[in-house]
PDB file of all heavy atoms in Angstrom:
ATOM      1  N   SER A   1     -39.708 -20.242  -5.156  1.00  0.00           N
ATOM      2  CA  SER A   1     -39.460 -19.760  -3.794  1.00  0.00           C
ATOM      3  C   SER A   1     -39.834 -18.283  -3.671  1.00  0.00           C
ATOM      4  O   SER A   1     -39.893 -17.548  -4.659  1.00  0.00           O
ATOM      5  CB  SER A   1     -37.993 -19.954  -3.422  1.00  0.00           C
ATOM      6  OG  SER A   1     -37.178 -19.036  -4.119  1.00  0.00           O
ATOM      7  N   TRP A   2     -40.027 -17.869  -2.420  1.00  0.00           N
ATOM      8  CA  TRP A   2     -40.362 -16.482  -2.138  1.00  0.00           C
ATOM      9  C   TRP A   2     -39.252 -15.560  -2.628  1.00  0.00           C
ATOM     10  O   TRP A   2     -39.514 -14.499  -3.202  1.00  0.00           O
ATOM     11  CB  TRP A   2     -40.569 -16.330  -0.622  1.00  0.00           C
ATOM     12  CG  TRP A   2     -40.963 -14.956  -0.224  1.00  0.00           C
ATOM     13  CD1 TRP A   2     -42.226 -14.433  -0.228  1.00  0.00           C
ATOM     14  CD2 TRP A   2     -40.102 -13.900   0.221  1.00  0.00           C
ATOM     15  NE1 TRP A   2     -42.199 -13.132   0.191  1.00  0.00           N
ATOM     16  CE2 TRP A   2     -40.896 -12.774   0.469  1.00  0.00           C
ATOM     17  CE3 TRP A   2     -38.734 -13.802   0.426  1.00  0.00           C
ATOM     18  CZ2 TRP A   2     -40.373 -11.569   0.912  1.00  0.00           C
ATOM     19  CZ3 TRP A   2     -38.207 -12.594   0.870  1.00  0.00           C
ATOM     20  CH2 TRP A   2     -39.036 -11.507   1.109  1.00  0.00           C
ATOM     21  N   LYS A   3     -38.008 -15.963  -2.429  1.00  0.00           N
ATOM     22  CA  LYS A   3     -36.863 -15.154  -2.831  1.00  0.00           C
ATOM     23  C   LYS A   3     -36.846 -14.946  -4.349  1.00  0.00           C
ATOM     24  O   LYS A   3     -36.602 -13.839  -4.836  1.00  0.00           O
ATOM     25  CB  LYS A   3     -35.564 -15.818  -2.365  1.00  0.00           C
ATOM     26  CG  LYS A   3     -34.341 -14.968  -2.533  1.00  0.00           C
ATOM     27  CD  LYS A   3     -33.124 -15.640  -1.919  1.00  0.00           C
ATOM     28  CE  LYS A   3     -31.901 -14.773  -2.067  1.00  0.00           C
ATOM     29  NZ  LYS A   3     -30.720 -15.370  -1.444  1.00  0.00           N
ATOM     30  N   LYS A   4     -37.108 -16.015  -5.091  1.00  0.00           N
ATOM     31  CA  LYS A   4     -37.130 -15.902  -6.556  1.00  0.00           C
ATOM     32  C   LYS A   4     -38.279 -15.010  -7.016  1.00  0.00           C
ATOM     33  O   LYS A   4     -38.128 -14.224  -7.951  1.00  0.00           O
ATOM     34  CB  LYS A   4     -37.249 -17.282  -7.201  1.00  0.00           C
ATOM     35  CG  LYS A   4     -35.963 -18.055  -7.189  1.00  0.00           C
ATOM     36  CD  LYS A   4     -36.084 -19.347  -7.959  1.00  0.00           C
ATOM     37  CE  LYS A   4     -34.759 -20.097  -7.943  1.00  0.00           C
ATOM     38  NZ  LYS A   4     -34.810 -21.321  -8.725  1.00  0.00           N
ATOM     39  N   LYS A   5     -39.426 -15.134  -6.354  1.00  0.00           N
ATOM     40  CA  LYS A   5     -40.571 -14.286  -6.700  1.00  0.00           C
ATOM     41  C   LYS A   5     -40.243 -12.819  -6.469  1.00  0.00           C
ATOM     42  O   LYS A   5     -40.566 -11.962  -7.285  1.00  0.00           O
ATOM     43  CB  LYS A   5     -41.799 -14.681  -5.876  1.00  0.00           C
ATOM     44  CG  LYS A   5     -42.431 -15.967  -6.315  1.00  0.00           C
ATOM     45  CD  LYS A   5     -43.639 -16.288  -5.477  1.00  0.00           C
ATOM     46  CE  LYS A   5     -44.208 -17.647  -5.854  1.00  0.00           C
ATOM     47  NZ  LYS A   5     -45.346 -18.009  -5.013  1.00  0.00           N
ATOM     48  N   MET A   6     -39.585 -12.513  -5.359  1.00  0.00           N
ATOM     49  CA  MET A   6     -39.215 -11.133  -5.059  1.00  0.00           C
ATOM     50  C   MET A   6     -38.218 -10.598  -6.080  1.00  0.00           C
ATOM     51  O   MET A   6     -38.322  -9.453  -6.521  1.00  0.00           O
ATOM     52  CB  MET A   6     -38.642 -11.014  -3.644  1.00  0.00           C
ATOM     53  CG  MET A   6     -39.669 -11.222  -2.552  1.00  0.00           C
ATOM     54  SD  MET A   6     -41.116 -10.152  -2.712  1.00  0.00           S
ATOM     55  CE  MET A   6     -40.392  -8.552  -2.456  1.00  0.00           C
ATOM     56  N   LYS A   7     -37.270 -11.426  -6.487  1.00  0.00           N
ATOM     57  CA  LYS A   7     -36.306 -11.005  -7.514  1.00  0.00           C
ATOM     58  C   LYS A   7     -37.028 -10.677  -8.817  1.00  0.00           C
ATOM     59  O   LYS A   7     -36.709  -9.693  -9.486  1.00  0.00           O
ATOM     60  CB  LYS A   7     -35.258 -12.092  -7.749  1.00  0.00           C
ATOM     61  CG  LYS A   7     -34.162 -12.112  -6.737  1.00  0.00           C
ATOM     62  CD  LYS A   7     -33.082 -13.113  -7.142  1.00  0.00           C
ATOM     63  CE  LYS A   7     -31.905 -13.046  -6.202  1.00  0.00           C
ATOM     64  NZ  LYS A   7     -30.822 -13.930  -6.629  1.00  0.00           N
ATOM     65  N   MET A   8     -37.992 -11.514  -9.181  1.00  0.00           N
ATOM     66  CA  MET A   8     -38.755 -11.275 -10.403  1.00  0.00           C
ATOM     67  C   MET A   8     -39.539  -9.970 -10.303  1.00  0.00           C
ATOM     68  O   MET A   8     -39.582  -9.195 -11.251  1.00  0.00           O
ATOM     69  CB  MET A   8     -39.714 -12.433 -10.688  1.00  0.00           C
ATOM     70  CG  MET A   8     -39.034 -13.639 -11.278  1.00  0.00           C
ATOM     71  SD  MET A   8     -40.179 -14.969 -11.648  1.00  0.00           S
ATOM     72  CE  MET A   8     -41.244 -14.210 -12.837  1.00  0.00           C
ATOM     73  N   ILE A   9     -40.147  -9.737  -9.156  1.00  0.00           N
ATOM     74  CA  ILE A   9     -40.926  -8.513  -8.966  1.00  0.00           C
ATOM     75  C   ILE A   9     -40.019  -7.292  -9.102  1.00  0.00           C
ATOM     76  O   ILE A   9     -40.356  -6.335  -9.801  1.00  0.00           O
ATOM     77  CB  ILE A   9     -41.642  -8.530  -7.600  1.00  0.00           C
ATOM     78  CG1 ILE A   9     -42.778  -9.572  -7.622  1.00  0.00           C
ATOM     79  CG2 ILE A   9     -42.178  -7.141  -7.245  1.00  0.00           C
ATOM     80  CD1 ILE A   9     -43.371  -9.870  -6.267  1.00  0.00           C
ATOM     81  N   PHE A  10     -38.863  -7.314  -8.448  1.00  0.00           N
ATOM     82  CA  PHE A  10     -37.932  -6.187  -8.544  1.00  0.00           C
ATOM     83  C   PHE A  10     -37.432  -6.004  -9.964  1.00  0.00           C
ATOM     84  O   PHE A  10     -37.279  -4.882 -10.442  1.00  0.00           O
ATOM     85  CB  PHE A  10     -36.759  -6.355  -7.582  1.00  0.00           C
ATOM     86  CG  PHE A  10     -37.129  -6.092  -6.153  1.00  0.00           C
ATOM     87  CD1 PHE A  10     -36.871  -7.043  -5.184  1.00  0.00           C
ATOM     88  CD2 PHE A  10     -37.736  -4.914  -5.774  1.00  0.00           C
ATOM     89  CE1 PHE A  10     -37.216  -6.814  -3.860  1.00  0.00           C
ATOM     90  CE2 PHE A  10     -38.087  -4.661  -4.458  1.00  0.00           C
ATOM     91  CZ  PHE A  10     -37.823  -5.619  -3.495  1.00  0.00           C
ATOM     92  N   TYR A  11     -37.191  -7.102 -10.677  1.00  0.00           N
ATOM     93  CA  TYR A  11     -36.758  -7.026 -12.063  1.00  0.00           C
ATOM     94  C   TYR A  11     -37.816  -6.327 -12.911  1.00  0.00           C
ATOM     95  O   TYR A  11     -37.507  -5.440 -13.710  1.00  0.00           O
ATOM     96  CB  TYR A  11     -36.457  -8.416 -12.619  1.00  0.00           C
ATOM     97  CG  TYR A  11     -36.144  -8.408 -14.084  1.00  0.00           C
ATOM     98  CD1 TYR A  11     -34.889  -8.034 -14.538  1.00  0.00           C
ATOM     99  CD2 TYR A  11     -37.114  -8.734 -15.025  1.00  0.00           C
ATOM    100  CE1 TYR A  11     -34.596  -7.989 -15.891  1.00  0.00           C
ATOM    101  CE2 TYR A  11     -36.834  -8.695 -16.374  1.00  0.00           C
ATOM    102  CZ  TYR A  11     -35.579  -8.322 -16.801  1.00  0.00           C
ATOM    103  OH  TYR A  11     -35.308  -8.277 -18.145  1.00  0.00           O
ATOM    104  N   TRP A  12     -39.086  -6.713 -12.735  1.00  0.00           N
ATOM    105  CA  TRP A  12     -40.167  -6.114 -13.530  1.00  0.00           C
ATOM    106  C   TRP A  12     -40.378  -4.652 -13.167  1.00  0.00           C
ATOM    107  O   TRP A  12     -40.690  -3.831 -14.018  1.00  0.00           O
ATOM    108  CB  TRP A  12     -41.461  -6.917 -13.394  1.00  0.00           C
ATOM    109  CG  TRP A  12     -41.413  -8.122 -14.267  1.00  0.00           C
ATOM    110  CD1 TRP A  12     -41.276  -9.417 -13.885  1.00  0.00           C
ATOM    111  CD2 TRP A  12     -41.445  -8.152 -15.700  1.00  0.00           C
ATOM    112  NE1 TRP A  12     -41.220 -10.240 -14.982  1.00  0.00           N
ATOM    113  CE2 TRP A  12     -41.327  -9.495 -16.105  1.00  0.00           C
ATOM    114  CE3 TRP A  12     -41.558  -7.170 -16.678  1.00  0.00           C
ATOM    115  CZ2 TRP A  12     -41.326  -9.873 -17.440  1.00  0.00           C
ATOM    116  CZ3 TRP A  12     -41.555  -7.554 -18.007  1.00  0.00           C
ATOM    117  CH2 TRP A  12     -41.437  -8.896 -18.378  1.00  0.00           C
ATOM    118  N   ILE A  13     -40.183  -4.306 -11.897  1.00  0.00           N
ATOM    119  CA  ILE A  13     -40.296  -2.896 -11.506  1.00  0.00           C
ATOM    120  C   ILE A  13     -39.203  -2.081 -12.189  1.00  0.00           C
ATOM    121  O   ILE A  13     -39.465  -1.010 -12.749  1.00  0.00           O
ATOM    122  CB  ILE A  13     -40.225  -2.735  -9.970  1.00  0.00           C
ATOM    123  CG1 ILE A  13     -41.507  -3.282  -9.339  1.00  0.00           C
ATOM    124  CG2 ILE A  13     -40.013  -1.277  -9.577  1.00  0.00           C
ATOM    125  CD1 ILE A  13     -41.457  -3.400  -7.833  1.00  0.00           C
ATOM    126  N   LYS A  14     -37.974  -2.579 -12.169  1.00  0.00           N
ATOM    127  CA  LYS A  14     -36.871  -1.894 -12.849  1.00  0.00           C
ATOM    128  C   LYS A  14     -37.150  -1.793 -14.344  1.00  0.00           C
ATOM    129  O   LYS A  14     -36.923  -0.749 -14.959  1.00  0.00           O
ATOM    130  CB  LYS A  14     -35.555  -2.630 -12.624  1.00  0.00           C
ATOM    131  CG  LYS A  14     -34.993  -2.479 -11.247  1.00  0.00           C
ATOM    132  CD  LYS A  14     -33.677  -3.258 -11.147  1.00  0.00           C
ATOM    133  CE  LYS A  14     -33.130  -3.260  -9.754  1.00  0.00           C
ATOM    134  NZ  LYS A  14     -31.879  -4.040  -9.667  1.00  0.00           N
ATOM    135  N   SER A  15     -37.656  -2.879 -14.928  1.00  0.00           N
ATOM    136  CA  SER A  15     -37.963  -2.888 -16.357  1.00  0.00           C
ATOM    137  C   SER A  15     -39.031  -1.853 -16.682  1.00  0.00           C
ATOM    138  O   SER A  15     -38.937  -1.148 -17.685  1.00  0.00           O
ATOM    139  CB  SER A  15     -38.450  -4.269 -16.795  1.00  0.00           C
ATOM    140  OG  SER A  15     -37.427  -5.219 -16.667  1.00  0.00           O
ATOM    141  N   ALA A  16     -40.038  -1.762 -15.834  1.00  0.00           N
ATOM    142  CA  ALA A  16     -41.124  -0.815 -16.072  1.00  0.00           C
ATOM    143  C   ALA A  16     -40.604   0.618 -16.050  1.00  0.00           C
ATOM    144  O   ALA A  16     -41.009   1.445 -16.872  1.00  0.00           O
ATOM    145  CB  ALA A  16     -42.216  -1.000 -15.027  1.00  0.00           C
ATOM    146  N   ARG A  17     -39.690   0.914 -15.149  1.00  0.00           N
ATOM    147  CA  ARG A  17     -39.100   2.257 -15.095  1.00  0.00           C
ATOM    148  C   ARG A  17     -38.315   2.546 -16.365  1.00  0.00           C
ATOM    149  O   ARG A  17     -38.377   3.646 -16.901  1.00  0.00           O
ATOM    150  CB  ARG A  17     -38.190   2.386 -13.884  1.00  0.00           C
ATOM    151  CG  ARG A  17     -38.937   2.462 -12.589  1.00  0.00           C
ATOM    152  CD  ARG A  17     -37.991   2.657 -11.442  1.00  0.00           C
ATOM    153  NE  ARG A  17     -38.712   2.627 -10.178  1.00  0.00           N
ATOM    154  CZ  ARG A  17     -38.188   2.283  -9.040  1.00  0.00           C
ATOM    155  NH1 ARG A  17     -36.914   1.921  -8.980  1.00  0.00           N
ATOM    156  NH2 ARG A  17     -38.900   2.278  -7.936  1.00  0.00           N
ATOM    157  N   LYS A  18     -37.580   1.569 -16.830  1.00  0.00           N
ATOM    158  CA  LYS A  18     -36.783   1.755 -18.042  1.00  0.00           C
ATOM    159  C   LYS A  18     -37.673   1.825 -19.282  1.00  0.00           C
ATOM    160  O   LYS A  18     -37.295   2.423 -20.281  1.00  0.00           O
ATOM    161  CB  LYS A  18     -35.769   0.614 -18.217  1.00  0.00           C
ATOM    162  CG  LYS A  18     -34.844   0.410 -17.047  1.00  0.00           C
ATOM    163  CD  LYS A  18     -34.035   1.630 -16.724  1.00  0.00           C
ATOM    164  CE  LYS A  18     -33.111   1.348 -15.558  1.00  0.00           C
ATOM    165  NZ  LYS A  18     -32.471   2.509 -15.025  1.00  0.00           N
ATOM    166  N   LEU A  19     -38.826   1.228 -19.202  1.00  0.00           N
ATOM    167  CA  LEU A  19     -39.754   1.201 -20.337  1.00  0.00           C
ATOM    168  C   LEU A  19     -40.195   2.608 -20.733  1.00  0.00           C
ATOM    169  O   LEU A  19     -40.516   2.851 -21.885  1.00  0.00           O
ATOM    170  CB  LEU A  19     -40.961   0.331 -19.987  1.00  0.00           C
ATOM    171  CG  LEU A  19     -41.928  -0.048 -21.068  1.00  0.00           C
ATOM    172  CD1 LEU A  19     -41.205  -0.781 -22.195  1.00  0.00           C
ATOM    173  CD2 LEU A  19     -43.031  -0.921 -20.516  1.00  0.00           C
ATOM    174  N   THR A  20     -40.161   3.538 -19.795  1.00  0.00           N
ATOM    175  CA  THR A  20     -40.597   4.902 -20.099  1.00  0.00           C
ATOM    176  C   THR A  20     -39.698   5.586 -21.129  1.00  0.00           C
ATOM    177  O   THR A  20     -40.125   6.553 -21.753  1.00  0.00           O
ATOM    178  CB  THR A  20     -40.654   5.772 -18.823  1.00  0.00           C
ATOM    179  OG1 THR A  20     -39.347   5.844 -18.252  1.00  0.00           O
ATOM    180  CG2 THR A  20     -41.639   5.213 -17.816  1.00  0.00           C
ATOM    181  N   ILE A  21     -38.462   5.084 -21.312  1.00  0.00           N
ATOM    182  CA  ILE A  21     -37.577   5.701 -22.306  1.00  0.00           C
ATOM    183  C   ILE A  21     -37.767   5.106 -23.701  1.00  0.00           C
ATOM    184  O   ILE A  21     -37.186   5.598 -24.657  1.00  0.00           O
ATOM    185  CB  ILE A  21     -36.091   5.618 -21.886  1.00  0.00           C
ATOM    186  CG1 ILE A  21     -35.611   4.175 -21.778  1.00  0.00           C
ATOM    187  CG2 ILE A  21     -35.852   6.383 -20.596  1.00  0.00           C
ATOM    188  CD1 ILE A  21     -34.126   4.031 -21.476  1.00  0.00           C
ATOM    189  N   CYS A  22     -38.585   4.068 -23.812  1.00  0.00           N
ATOM    190  CA  CYS A  22     -38.864   3.458 -25.115  1.00  0.00           C
ATOM    191  C   CYS A  22     -39.825   4.337 -25.910  1.00  0.00           C
ATOM    192  O   CYS A  22     -40.666   5.028 -25.334  1.00  0.00           O
ATOM    193  CB  CYS A  22     -39.516   2.081 -24.929  1.00  0.00           C
ATOM    194  SG  CYS A  22     -38.417   0.825 -24.307  1.00  0.00           S
ATOM    195  N   PRO A  23     -39.721   4.290 -27.230  1.00  0.00           N
ATOM    196  CA  PRO A  23     -40.710   4.988 -28.062  1.00  0.00           C
ATOM    197  C   PRO A  23     -42.115   4.470 -27.748  1.00  0.00           C
ATOM    198  O   PRO A  23     -42.280   3.308 -27.358  1.00  0.00           O
ATOM    199  CB  PRO A  23     -40.298   4.627 -29.489  1.00  0.00           C
ATOM    200  CG  PRO A  23     -38.859   4.245 -29.395  1.00  0.00           C
ATOM    201  CD  PRO A  23     -38.689   3.625 -28.039  1.00  0.00           C
ATOM    202  N   PRO A  24     -43.126   5.303 -27.920  1.00  0.00           N
ATOM    203  CA  PRO A  24     -44.497   4.926 -27.539  1.00  0.00           C
ATOM    204  C   PRO A  24     -44.998   3.604 -28.127  1.00  0.00           C
ATOM    205  O   PRO A  24     -45.598   2.798 -27.420  1.00  0.00           O
ATOM    206  CB  PRO A  24     -45.345   6.100 -28.039  1.00  0.00           C
ATOM    207  CG  PRO A  24     -44.401   7.250 -28.100  1.00  0.00           C
ATOM    208  CD  PRO A  24     -43.054   6.674 -28.420  1.00  0.00           C
ATOM    209  N   LYS A  25     -44.742   3.363 -29.397  1.00  0.00           N
ATOM    210  CA  LYS A  25     -45.251   2.128 -30.015  1.00  0.00           C
ATOM    211  C   LYS A  25     -44.535   0.905 -29.452  1.00  0.00           C
ATOM    212  O   LYS A  25     -45.155  -0.128 -29.211  1.00  0.00           O
ATOM    213  CB  LYS A  25     -45.109   2.193 -31.541  1.00  0.00           C
ATOM    214  CG  LYS A  25     -45.858   1.111 -32.278  1.00  0.00           C
ATOM    215  CD  LYS A  25     -47.357   1.093 -31.994  1.00  0.00           C
ATOM    216  CE  LYS A  25     -48.088   2.126 -32.773  1.00  0.00           C
ATOM    217  NZ  LYS A  25     -49.543   2.013 -32.687  1.00  0.00           N
ATOM    218  N   CYS A  26     -43.238   1.005 -29.233  1.00  0.00           N
ATOM    219  CA  CYS A  26     -42.491  -0.103 -28.612  1.00  0.00           C
ATOM    220  C   CYS A  26     -43.046  -0.392 -27.222  1.00  0.00           C
ATOM    221  O   CYS A  26     -43.221  -1.546 -26.836  1.00  0.00           O
ATOM    222  CB  CYS A  26     -41.010   0.235 -28.496  1.00  0.00           C
ATOM    223  SG  CYS A  26     -40.131   0.272 -30.058  1.00  0.00           S
ATOM    224  N   ARG A  27     -43.287   0.664 -26.469  1.00  0.00           N
ATOM    225  CA  ARG A  27     -43.830   0.526 -25.120  1.00  0.00           C
ATOM    226  C   ARG A  27     -45.197  -0.154 -25.154  1.00  0.00           C
ATOM    227  O   ARG A  27     -45.476  -1.066 -24.385  1.00  0.00           O
ATOM    228  CB  ARG A  27     -43.906   1.911 -24.462  1.00  0.00           C
ATOM    229  CG  ARG A  27     -44.359   1.885 -23.037  1.00  0.00           C
ATOM    230  CD  ARG A  27     -44.213   3.232 -22.330  1.00  0.00           C
ATOM    231  NE  ARG A  27     -44.714   4.365 -23.078  1.00  0.00           N
ATOM    232  CZ  ARG A  27     -43.964   5.367 -23.520  1.00  0.00           C
ATOM    233  NH1 ARG A  27     -42.670   5.380 -23.316  1.00  0.00           N
ATOM    234  NH2 ARG A  27     -44.512   6.367 -24.177  1.00  0.00           N
ATOM    235  N   GLU A  28     -46.046   0.278 -26.075  1.00  0.00           N
ATOM    236  CA  GLU A  28     -47.380  -0.300 -26.205  1.00  0.00           C
ATOM    237  C   GLU A  28     -47.315  -1.792 -26.534  1.00  0.00           C
ATOM    238  O   GLU A  28     -48.003  -2.612 -25.919  1.00  0.00           O
ATOM    239  CB  GLU A  28     -48.171   0.444 -27.291  1.00  0.00           C
ATOM    240  CG  GLU A  28     -49.577  -0.064 -27.477  1.00  0.00           C
ATOM    241  CD  GLU A  28     -50.340   0.692 -28.547  1.00  0.00           C
ATOM    242  OE1 GLU A  28     -49.709   1.410 -29.376  1.00  0.00           O
ATOM    243  OE2 GLU A  28     -51.570   0.560 -28.573  1.00  0.00           O
ATOM    244  N   VAL A  29     -46.470  -2.148 -27.494  1.00  0.00           N
ATOM    245  CA  VAL A  29     -46.321  -3.544 -27.894  1.00  0.00           C
ATOM    246  C   VAL A  29     -45.773  -4.380 -26.731  1.00  0.00           C
ATOM    247  O   VAL A  29     -46.259  -5.477 -26.451  1.00  0.00           O
ATOM    248  CB  VAL A  29     -45.410  -3.668 -29.144  1.00  0.00           C
ATOM    249  CG1 VAL A  29     -45.003  -5.098 -29.394  1.00  0.00           C
ATOM    250  CG2 VAL A  29     -46.115  -3.082 -30.366  1.00  0.00           C
ATOM    251  N   PHE A  30     -44.775  -3.846 -26.029  1.00  0.00           N
ATOM    252  CA  PHE A  30     -44.192  -4.559 -24.887  1.00  0.00           C
ATOM    253  C   PHE A  30     -45.257  -4.823 -23.820  1.00  0.00           C
ATOM    254  O   PHE A  30     -45.360  -5.938 -23.302  1.00  0.00           O
ATOM    255  CB  PHE A  30     -43.040  -3.736 -24.304  1.00  0.00           C
ATOM    256  CG  PHE A  30     -42.327  -4.420 -23.186  1.00  0.00           C
ATOM    257  CD1 PHE A  30     -41.271  -5.273 -23.446  1.00  0.00           C
ATOM    258  CD2 PHE A  30     -42.704  -4.221 -21.863  1.00  0.00           C
ATOM    259  CE1 PHE A  30     -40.599  -5.920 -22.414  1.00  0.00           C
ATOM    260  CE2 PHE A  30     -42.043  -4.856 -20.820  1.00  0.00           C
ATOM    261  CZ  PHE A  30     -40.993  -5.705 -21.105  1.00  0.00           C
ATOM    262  N   ILE A  31     -46.046  -3.830 -23.503  1.00  0.00           N
ATOM    263  CA  ILE A  31     -47.091  -3.983 -22.478  1.00  0.00           C
ATOM    264  C   ILE A  31     -48.146  -4.988 -22.922  1.00  0.00           C
ATOM    265  O   ILE A  31     -48.563  -5.841 -22.126  1.00  0.00           O
ATOM    266  CB  ILE A  31     -47.718  -2.616 -22.139  1.00  0.00           C
ATOM    267  CG1 ILE A  31     -46.684  -1.767 -21.395  1.00  0.00           C
ATOM    268  CG2 ILE A  31     -48.995  -2.771 -21.314  1.00  0.00           C
ATOM    269  CD1 ILE A  31     -47.062  -0.317 -21.225  1.00  0.00           C
ATOM    270  N   LEU A  32     -48.572  -4.899 -24.158  1.00  0.00           N
ATOM    271  CA  LEU A  32     -49.567  -5.853 -24.653  1.00  0.00           C
ATOM    272  C   LEU A  32     -49.041  -7.281 -24.592  1.00  0.00           C
ATOM    273  O   LEU A  32     -49.786  -8.216 -24.287  1.00  0.00           O
ATOM    274  CB  LEU A  32     -49.982  -5.502 -26.085  1.00  0.00           C
ATOM    275  CG  LEU A  32     -50.852  -4.256 -26.240  1.00  0.00           C
ATOM    276  CD1 LEU A  32     -50.993  -3.882 -27.708  1.00  0.00           C
ATOM    277  CD2 LEU A  32     -52.218  -4.459 -25.605  1.00  0.00           C
ATOM    278  N   SER A  33     -47.757  -7.453 -24.848  1.00  0.00           N
ATOM    279  CA  SER A  33     -47.169  -8.784 -24.824  1.00  0.00           C
ATOM    280  C   SER A  33     -46.901  -9.274 -23.407  1.00  0.00           C
ATOM    281  O   SER A  33     -47.370 -10.339 -23.006  1.00  0.00           O
ATOM    282  CB  SER A  33     -45.864  -8.784 -25.628  1.00  0.00           C
ATOM    283  OG  SER A  33     -45.213 -10.023 -25.524  1.00  0.00           O
ATOM    284  N   LYS A  34     -46.154  -8.490 -22.642  1.00  0.00           N
ATOM    285  CA  LYS A  34     -45.675  -8.959 -21.340  1.00  0.00           C
ATOM    286  C   LYS A  34     -46.677  -8.779 -20.206  1.00  0.00           C
ATOM    287  O   LYS A  34     -46.708  -9.578 -19.285  1.00  0.00           O
ATOM    288  CB  LYS A  34     -44.361  -8.255 -20.978  1.00  0.00           C
ATOM    289  CG  LYS A  34     -43.244  -8.519 -21.956  1.00  0.00           C
ATOM    290  CD  LYS A  34     -42.902  -9.992 -22.009  1.00  0.00           C
ATOM    291  CE  LYS A  34     -41.735 -10.254 -22.939  1.00  0.00           C
ATOM    292  NZ  LYS A  34     -41.455 -11.663 -23.096  1.00  0.00           N
ATOM    293  N   VAL A  35     -47.477  -7.745 -20.261  1.00  0.00           N
ATOM    294  CA  VAL A  35     -48.444  -7.493 -19.178  1.00  0.00           C
ATOM    295  C   VAL A  35     -49.780  -8.140 -19.494  1.00  0.00           C
ATOM    296  O   VAL A  35     -50.345  -8.865 -18.676  1.00  0.00           O
ATOM    297  CB  VAL A  35     -48.602  -5.978 -18.925  1.00  0.00           C
ATOM    298  CG1 VAL A  35     -49.655  -5.711 -17.857  1.00  0.00           C
ATOM    299  CG2 VAL A  35     -47.263  -5.360 -18.524  1.00  0.00           C
ATOM    300  N   ASP A  36     -50.284  -7.877 -20.702  1.00  0.00           N
ATOM    301  CA  ASP A  36     -51.592  -8.418 -21.080  1.00  0.00           C
ATOM    302  C   ASP A  36     -51.521  -9.862 -21.564  1.00  0.00           C
ATOM    303  O   ASP A  36     -52.537 -10.525 -21.678  1.00  0.00           O
ATOM    304  CB  ASP A  36     -52.247  -7.546 -22.151  1.00  0.00           C
ATOM    305  CG  ASP A  36     -52.562  -6.139 -21.647  1.00  0.00           C
ATOM    306  OD1 ASP A  36     -52.579  -5.945 -20.411  1.00  0.00           O
ATOM    307  OD2 ASP A  36     -52.787  -5.243 -22.474  1.00  0.00           O
ATOM    308  N   GLY A  37     -50.324 -10.316 -21.894  1.00  0.00           N
ATOM    309  CA  GLY A  37     -50.142 -11.706 -22.286  1.00  0.00           C
ATOM    310  C   GLY A  37     -50.614 -12.059 -23.687  1.00  0.00           C
ATOM    311  O   GLY A  37     -50.853 -13.229 -23.985  1.00  0.00           O
ATOM    312  N   LEU A  38     -50.717 -11.054 -24.556  1.00  0.00           N
ATOM    313  CA  LEU A  38     -51.155 -11.322 -25.927  1.00  0.00           C
ATOM    314  C   LEU A  38     -50.010 -11.891 -26.754  1.00  0.00           C
ATOM    315  O   LEU A  38     -48.847 -11.576 -26.531  1.00  0.00           O
ATOM    316  CB  LEU A  38     -51.662 -10.036 -26.588  1.00  0.00           C
ATOM    317  CG  LEU A  38     -52.886  -9.371 -25.961  1.00  0.00           C
ATOM    318  CD1 LEU A  38     -53.236  -8.100 -26.733  1.00  0.00           C
ATOM    319  CD2 LEU A  38     -54.067 -10.309 -25.908  1.00  0.00           C
TER     320      LEU A  38
END
């Protein structure tokens, strides 16, 4: 549903903001996994 999609989008936006406090290598690995899908 549209509502569920919006919740997911907001969740990922919040996650992305919090990701900036992660150490660089953790951040890189997270992005490669969750964003790039590796």
